[in-house]
Amino acid sequence: MHNDPELNGKYLGTITKDFAVVSDTLKEASYQIRKRGFSDYPIFPISKVHIPVGQILISRFEVQLNWNFYVSYLDEFIQRKIVEDQEVFKQAYKDPDEYCCLFVIDVEFTNIVFIPYPED
């Protein structure tokens, strides 16, 4: 549960580019999930193809992005056995007001990463 060095290069560029476009929407969704009591641990799965994890939030075709952005939270990840030790996850989870928790799913790379929201 850390920012994997493998993220650099191929992934970092396309993720960062798309993240800059959608970060305000993701930050607001994170806030609403926490405010409404759904979870203290929002997670945003992203993938270039349709995935069965979470609910689609922003389709890459709607906004001309490289990635689809989904919305989910820790409970679903535990149910699907993506996260096996919730205490380890909770300790690694970064401040959701400052960082977005992305679950990157691609052919060669699947990992949870934390990307800081742009400063206002």
C-alpha atoms as a PDB file:
ATOM      1  CA  MET A   1       0.000   0.000   0.000  1.00  0.00           C
ATOM      2  CA  HIS A   2       2.426   2.635  -1.179  1.00  0.00           C
ATOM      3  CA  ASN A   3       3.260   4.661  -4.221  1.00  0.00           C
ATOM      4  CA  ASP A   4       5.005   2.038  -6.275  1.00  0.00           C
ATOM      5  CA  PRO A   5       8.078   3.255  -8.190  1.00  0.00           C
ATOM      6  CA  GLU A   6       6.745   1.340 -11.184  1.00  0.00           C
ATOM      7  CA  LEU A   7       4.109   4.031 -11.511  1.00  0.00           C
ATOM      8  CA  ASN A   8       6.710   6.379 -12.977  1.00  0.00           C
ATOM      9  CA  GLY A   9       6.975   6.664 -16.697  1.00  0.00           C
ATOM     10  CA  LYS A  10       4.178   5.192 -18.763  1.00  0.00           C
ATOM     11  CA  TYR A  11       1.454   5.463 -16.110  1.00  0.00           C
ATOM     12  CA  LEU A  12       2.356   8.623 -14.280  1.00  0.00           C
ATOM     13  CA  GLY A  13       2.033  10.819 -17.368  1.00  0.00           C
ATOM     14  CA  THR A  14      -1.413   9.674 -18.482  1.00  0.00           C
ATOM     15  CA  ILE A  15      -2.784   9.396 -14.954  1.00  0.00           C
ATOM     16  CA  THR A  16      -1.544  12.849 -13.952  1.00  0.00           C
ATOM     17  CA  LYS A  17      -2.914  14.408 -17.143  1.00  0.00           C
ATOM     18  CA  ASP A  18      -6.375  12.913 -16.596  1.00  0.00           C
ATOM     19  CA  PHE A  19      -6.262  13.528 -12.844  1.00  0.00           C
ATOM     20  CA  ALA A  20      -5.748  17.246 -13.440  1.00  0.00           C
ATOM     21  CA  VAL A  21      -9.006  17.296 -15.422  1.00  0.00           C
ATOM     22  CA  VAL A  22     -11.121  15.328 -12.931  1.00  0.00           C
ATOM     23  CA  SER A  23      -9.492  16.100  -9.555  1.00  0.00           C
ATOM     24  CA  ASP A  24     -12.183  18.570  -8.440  1.00  0.00           C
ATOM     25  CA  THR A  25     -14.913  15.998  -9.153  1.00  0.00           C
ATOM     26  CA  LEU A  26     -13.008  13.264  -7.311  1.00  0.00           C
ATOM     27  CA  LYS A  27     -12.319  15.516  -4.338  1.00  0.00           C
ATOM     28  CA  GLU A  28     -16.002  16.443  -4.081  1.00  0.00           C
ATOM     29  CA  ALA A  29     -17.058  12.781  -4.409  1.00  0.00           C
ATOM     30  CA  SER A  30     -14.596  11.852  -1.655  1.00  0.00           C
ATOM     31  CA  TYR A  31     -16.002  14.581   0.573  1.00  0.00           C
ATOM     32  CA  GLN A  32     -19.614  13.498  -0.050  1.00  0.00           C
ATOM     33  CA  ILE A  33     -18.834   9.817   0.641  1.00  0.00           C
ATOM     34  CA  ARG A  34     -17.291  10.765   3.973  1.00  0.00           C
ATOM     35  CA  LYS A  35     -19.865  13.430   4.887  1.00  0.00           C
ATOM     36  CA  ARG A  36     -22.803  11.106   4.213  1.00  0.00           C
ATOM     37  CA  GLY A  37     -21.252   8.342   6.293  1.00  0.00           C
ATOM     38  CA  PHE A  38     -20.754   5.768   3.510  1.00  0.00           C
ATOM     39  CA  SER A  39     -17.065   5.349   4.325  1.00  0.00           C
ATOM     40  CA  ASP A  40     -14.068   7.168   5.743  1.00  0.00           C
ATOM     41  CA  TYR A  41     -11.973   5.506   3.034  1.00  0.00           C
ATOM     42  CA  PRO A  42     -13.074   6.448  -0.499  1.00  0.00           C
ATOM     43  CA  ILE A  43     -11.199   4.694  -3.287  1.00  0.00           C
ATOM     44  CA  PHE A  44     -11.305   5.612  -6.970  1.00  0.00           C
ATOM     45  CA  PRO A  45     -10.576   2.661  -9.269  1.00  0.00           C
ATOM     46  CA  ILE A  46      -9.316   3.719 -12.686  1.00  0.00           C
ATOM     47  CA  SER A  47      -9.001   1.625 -15.805  1.00  0.00           C
ATOM     48  CA  LYS A  48      -8.936   1.988 -19.564  1.00  0.00           C
ATOM     49  CA  VAL A  49     -11.560  -0.755 -19.939  1.00  0.00           C
ATOM     50  CA  HIS A  50     -14.793  -1.501 -18.083  1.00  0.00           C
ATOM     51  CA  ILE A  51     -14.213  -3.083 -14.673  1.00  0.00           C
ATOM     52  CA  PRO A  52     -16.624  -4.618 -12.140  1.00  0.00           C
ATOM     53  CA  VAL A  53     -15.206  -2.681  -9.173  1.00  0.00           C
ATOM     54  CA  GLY A  54     -17.138   0.363  -7.975  1.00  0.00           C
ATOM     55  CA  GLN A  55     -19.538   2.504  -9.958  1.00  0.00           C
ATOM     56  CA  ILE A  56     -18.539   4.512 -13.020  1.00  0.00           C
ATOM     57  CA  LEU A  57     -18.096   8.159 -12.097  1.00  0.00           C
ATOM     58  CA  ILE A  58     -16.444   9.601 -15.206  1.00  0.00           C
ATOM     59  CA  SER A  59     -16.236   7.721 -18.498  1.00  0.00           C
ATOM     60  CA  ARG A  60     -13.113   8.364 -20.529  1.00  0.00           C
ATOM     61  CA  PHE A  61     -15.323   8.854 -23.570  1.00  0.00           C
ATOM     62  CA  GLU A  62     -17.399  11.626 -21.974  1.00  0.00           C
ATOM     63  CA  VAL A  63     -14.464  13.921 -21.314  1.00  0.00           C
ATOM     64  CA  GLN A  64     -11.857  12.558 -23.767  1.00  0.00           C
ATOM     65  CA  LEU A  65      -9.617  10.977 -21.151  1.00  0.00           C
ATOM     66  CA  ASN A  66      -7.283   7.979 -21.205  1.00  0.00           C
ATOM     67  CA  TRP A  67      -8.832   6.463 -18.061  1.00  0.00           C
ATOM     68  CA  ASN A  68     -12.322   5.670 -16.736  1.00  0.00           C
ATOM     69  CA  PHE A  69     -12.789   6.815 -13.153  1.00  0.00           C
ATOM     70  CA  TYR A  70     -14.942   4.765 -10.792  1.00  0.00           C
ATOM     71  CA  VAL A  71     -15.969   5.389  -7.199  1.00  0.00           C
ATOM     72  CA  SER A  72     -15.836   2.852  -4.397  1.00  0.00           C
ATOM     73  CA  TYR A  73     -14.742   2.520  -0.798  1.00  0.00           C
ATOM     74  CA  LEU A  74     -12.923   0.202   1.566  1.00  0.00           C
ATOM     75  CA  ASP A  75     -15.884  -2.099   2.358  1.00  0.00           C
ATOM     76  CA  GLU A  76     -16.214  -3.197  -1.276  1.00  0.00           C
ATOM     77  CA  PHE A  77     -12.467  -3.814  -1.480  1.00  0.00           C
ATOM     78  CA  ILE A  78     -12.656  -6.021   1.617  1.00  0.00           C
ATOM     79  CA  GLN A  79     -15.695  -7.914   0.269  1.00  0.00           C
ATOM     80  CA  ARG A  80     -13.907  -8.519  -3.046  1.00  0.00           C
ATOM     81  CA  LYS A  81     -10.729  -9.531  -1.183  1.00  0.00           C
ATOM     82  CA  ILE A  82      -8.705  -6.845  -2.940  1.00  0.00           C
ATOM     83  CA  VAL A  83      -7.744  -5.568   0.513  1.00  0.00           C
ATOM     84  CA  GLU A  84      -7.138  -8.395   2.942  1.00  0.00           C
ATOM     85  CA  ASP A  85      -5.880  -6.519   6.004  1.00  0.00           C
ATOM     86  CA  GLN A  86      -8.055  -3.479   6.597  1.00  0.00           C
ATOM     87  CA  GLU A  87      -5.916  -2.242   9.516  1.00  0.00           C
ATOM     88  CA  VAL A  88      -2.809  -2.115   7.321  1.00  0.00           C
ATOM     89  CA  PHE A  89      -4.843  -0.311   4.663  1.00  0.00           C
ATOM     90  CA  LYS A  90      -6.214   2.210   7.168  1.00  0.00           C
ATOM     91  CA  GLN A  91      -2.719   2.952   8.479  1.00  0.00           C
ATOM     92  CA  ALA A  92      -1.391   3.515   4.953  1.00  0.00           C
ATOM     93  CA  TYR A  93      -4.400   5.590   3.838  1.00  0.00           C
ATOM     94  CA  LYS A  94      -3.491   9.249   3.424  1.00  0.00           C
ATOM     95  CA  ASP A  95      -5.571  12.286   4.398  1.00  0.00           C
ATOM     96  CA  PRO A  96      -8.522  12.204   1.944  1.00  0.00           C
ATOM     97  CA  ASP A  97      -8.751  16.011   1.973  1.00  0.00           C
ATOM     98  CA  GLU A  98      -5.233  16.198   0.552  1.00  0.00           C
ATOM     99  CA  TYR A  99      -4.749  12.922  -1.355  1.00  0.00           C
ATOM    100  CA  CYS A 100      -6.835  10.902  -3.773  1.00  0.00           C
ATOM    101  CA  CYS A 101      -6.680   7.134  -3.366  1.00  0.00           C
ATOM    102  CA  LEU A 102      -6.571   5.617  -6.856  1.00  0.00           C
ATOM    103  CA  PHE A 103      -6.752   1.913  -7.599  1.00  0.00           C
ATOM    104  CA  VAL A 104      -4.981   1.688 -10.958  1.00  0.00           C
ATOM    105  CA  ILE A 105      -5.942  -1.354 -13.024  1.00  0.00           C
ATOM    106  CA  ASP A 106      -4.134  -2.002 -16.279  1.00  0.00           C
ATOM    107  CA  VAL A 107      -2.730  -4.986 -18.136  1.00  0.00           C
ATOM    108  CA  GLU A 108       0.768  -4.713 -16.640  1.00  0.00           C
ATOM    109  CA  PHE A 109       0.088  -2.768 -13.453  1.00  0.00           C
ATOM    110  CA  THR A 110      -2.453  -3.009 -10.639  1.00  0.00           C
ATOM    111  CA  ASN A 111      -1.880  -1.082  -7.441  1.00  0.00           C
ATOM    112  CA  ILE A 112      -3.264   1.475  -5.034  1.00  0.00           C
ATOM    113  CA  VAL A 113      -1.584   4.854  -5.274  1.00  0.00           C
ATOM    114  CA  PHE A 114      -2.136   8.181  -3.542  1.00  0.00           C
ATOM    115  CA  ILE A 115      -1.962  11.341  -5.635  1.00  0.00           C
ATOM    116  CA  PRO A 116      -2.114  14.778  -4.023  1.00  0.00           C
ATOM    117  CA  TYR A 117      -4.973  16.993  -5.098  1.00  0.00           C
ATOM    118  CA  PRO A 118      -3.822  20.189  -6.832  1.00  0.00           C
ATOM    119  CA  GLU A 119      -3.643  23.136  -4.479  1.00  0.00           C
ATOM    120  CA  ASP A 120      -6.256  25.830  -5.027  1.00  0.00           C
END
